[in-house]
Amino acid sequence: MPAPLPLNSHLHTTEPLLTFRQAAARLGIPYWKIQRAAQIGLVPTTTFLNSRRYVRFSEIELILGRSPAQRGGAS
C-alpha cells in the first residue's frame, strides 16, 4: 500500500505567485479582502527580499472551497 500524501503536497508546484491585487482580480473581489485574510492568517503568504507578499491562487481556492471545474477549467 503506498504511503499517503502529506497534507501540504499541493504546495510543491511550480504555480506562479501572485500579488494580492492579481489574485483579487482573478477572483473578482476587492484586493483588501485578500489582504485582510492574509493578515489574520487565513491565506498563506510568501515574502522575498522586499516587503511585498505573494499568494498562490490554488491556496485561495482551497480556502474558498472552489475547484478548477467551478471556475471554468484548469488554468
C-alpha atoms as a PDB file:
ATOM      1  CA  MET A   1       0.000   0.000   0.000  1.00  0.00           C
ATOM      2  CA  PRO A   2       1.517   3.375  -0.977  1.00  0.00           C
ATOM      3  CA  ALA A   3       2.144   5.951   1.707  1.00  0.00           C
ATOM      4  CA  PRO A   4      -0.452   8.740   1.920  1.00  0.00           C
ATOM      5  CA  LEU A   5       0.491  12.132   0.540  1.00  0.00           C
ATOM      6  CA  PRO A   6       1.300  14.844   3.066  1.00  0.00           C
ATOM      7  CA  LEU A   7      -1.478  17.347   3.658  1.00  0.00           C
ATOM      8  CA  ASN A   8       0.502  20.139   2.028  1.00  0.00           C
ATOM      9  CA  SER A   9       1.518  18.177  -1.094  1.00  0.00           C
ATOM     10  CA  HIS A  10      -0.325  20.732  -3.265  1.00  0.00           C
ATOM     11  CA  LEU A  11       2.218  23.370  -2.172  1.00  0.00           C
ATOM     12  CA  HIS A  12       5.089  21.745  -4.055  1.00  0.00           C
ATOM     13  CA  THR A  13       4.213  23.011  -7.507  1.00  0.00           C
ATOM     14  CA  THR A  14       5.578  25.461  -9.997  1.00  0.00           C
ATOM     15  CA  GLU A  15       2.448  27.574  -9.714  1.00  0.00           C
ATOM     16  CA  PRO A  16       3.313  31.264 -10.025  1.00  0.00           C
ATOM     17  CA  LEU A  17       2.969  33.533  -7.043  1.00  0.00           C
ATOM     18  CA  LEU A  18       0.503  36.404  -7.365  1.00  0.00           C
ATOM     19  CA  THR A  19       0.259  39.769  -5.664  1.00  0.00           C
ATOM     20  CA  PHE A  20      -2.877  40.428  -3.643  1.00  0.00           C
ATOM     21  CA  ARG A  21      -4.174  42.632  -6.469  1.00  0.00           C
ATOM     22  CA  GLN A  22      -3.564  39.964  -9.125  1.00  0.00           C
ATOM     23  CA  ALA A  23      -5.304  37.279  -7.072  1.00  0.00           C
ATOM     24  CA  ALA A  24      -8.213  39.580  -6.278  1.00  0.00           C
ATOM     25  CA  ALA A  25      -8.626  40.476  -9.961  1.00  0.00           C
ATOM     26  CA  ARG A  26      -8.815  36.780 -10.874  1.00  0.00           C
ATOM     27  CA  LEU A  27     -11.482  36.260  -8.205  1.00  0.00           C
ATOM     28  CA  GLY A  28     -13.374  39.459  -8.969  1.00  0.00           C
ATOM     29  CA  ILE A  29     -13.164  40.753  -5.384  1.00  0.00           C
ATOM     30  CA  PRO A  30     -11.525  43.831  -3.799  1.00  0.00           C
ATOM     31  CA  TYR A  31      -7.820  43.268  -3.065  1.00  0.00           C
ATOM     32  CA  TRP A  32      -8.208  44.335   0.551  1.00  0.00           C
ATOM     33  CA  LYS A  33     -10.258  41.201   1.217  1.00  0.00           C
ATOM     34  CA  ILE A  34      -7.217  39.086   0.316  1.00  0.00           C
ATOM     35  CA  GLN A  35      -5.013  41.438   2.309  1.00  0.00           C
ATOM     36  CA  ARG A  36      -7.212  41.130   5.372  1.00  0.00           C
ATOM     37  CA  ALA A  37      -7.426  37.330   5.065  1.00  0.00           C
ATOM     38  CA  ALA A  38      -3.622  37.222   4.935  1.00  0.00           C
ATOM     39  CA  GLN A  39      -3.326  39.496   7.981  1.00  0.00           C
ATOM     40  CA  ILE A  40      -5.469  37.187  10.110  1.00  0.00           C
ATOM     41  CA  GLY A  41      -3.698  34.071   8.808  1.00  0.00           C
ATOM     42  CA  LEU A  42      -6.390  32.556   6.591  1.00  0.00           C
ATOM     43  CA  VAL A  43      -4.271  32.828   3.439  1.00  0.00           C
ATOM     44  CA  PRO A  44      -0.644  31.663   3.487  1.00  0.00           C
ATOM     45  CA  THR A  45       1.757  34.228   2.018  1.00  0.00           C
ATOM     46  CA  THR A  46       5.328  34.268   0.743  1.00  0.00           C
ATOM     47  CA  THR A  47       7.709  37.211   1.105  1.00  0.00           C
ATOM     48  CA  PHE A  48      11.036  37.612  -0.646  1.00  0.00           C
ATOM     49  CA  LEU A  49      13.673  40.301  -0.154  1.00  0.00           C
ATOM     50  CA  ASN A  50      11.199  43.155  -0.330  1.00  0.00           C
ATOM     51  CA  SER A  51       8.140  43.541   1.866  1.00  0.00           C
ATOM     52  CA  ARG A  52       5.636  42.589  -0.845  1.00  0.00           C
ATOM     53  CA  ARG A  53       3.666  39.477  -0.011  1.00  0.00           C
ATOM     54  CA  TYR A  54       2.555  36.937  -2.592  1.00  0.00           C
ATOM     55  CA  VAL A  55      -0.095  34.219  -2.597  1.00  0.00           C
ATOM     56  CA  ARG A  56      -0.812  31.109  -4.615  1.00  0.00           C
ATOM     57  CA  PHE A  57      -4.178  31.163  -6.336  1.00  0.00           C
ATOM     58  CA  SER A  58      -4.730  27.486  -5.542  1.00  0.00           C
ATOM     59  CA  GLU A  59      -4.399  28.238  -1.812  1.00  0.00           C
ATOM     60  CA  ILE A  60      -7.169  30.816  -2.023  1.00  0.00           C
ATOM     61  CA  GLU A  61      -9.356  28.429  -3.989  1.00  0.00           C
ATOM     62  CA  LEU A  62      -8.836  25.751  -1.334  1.00  0.00           C
ATOM     63  CA  ILE A  63      -9.939  28.173   1.348  1.00  0.00           C
ATOM     64  CA  LEU A  64     -12.973  29.214  -0.688  1.00  0.00           C
ATOM     65  CA  GLY A  65     -13.805  25.594  -1.459  1.00  0.00           C
ATOM     66  CA  ARG A  66     -13.588  26.110  -5.225  1.00  0.00           C
ATOM     67  CA  SER A  67     -12.360  23.567  -7.728  1.00  0.00           C
ATOM     68  CA  PRO A  68     -10.993  24.122 -11.253  1.00  0.00           C
ATOM     69  CA  ALA A  69     -14.314  22.904 -12.669  1.00  0.00           C
ATOM     70  CA  GLN A  70     -16.194  25.620 -10.765  1.00  0.00           C
ATOM     71  CA  ARG A  71     -14.042  28.374 -12.272  1.00  0.00           C
ATOM     72  CA  GLY A  72     -14.343  27.111 -15.824  1.00  0.00           C
ATOM     73  CA  GLY A  73     -11.465  24.671 -16.249  1.00  0.00           C
ATOM     74  CA  ALA A  74      -7.848  24.327 -15.290  1.00  0.00           C
ATOM     75  CA  SER A  75      -5.573  27.317 -15.635  1.00  0.00           C
END
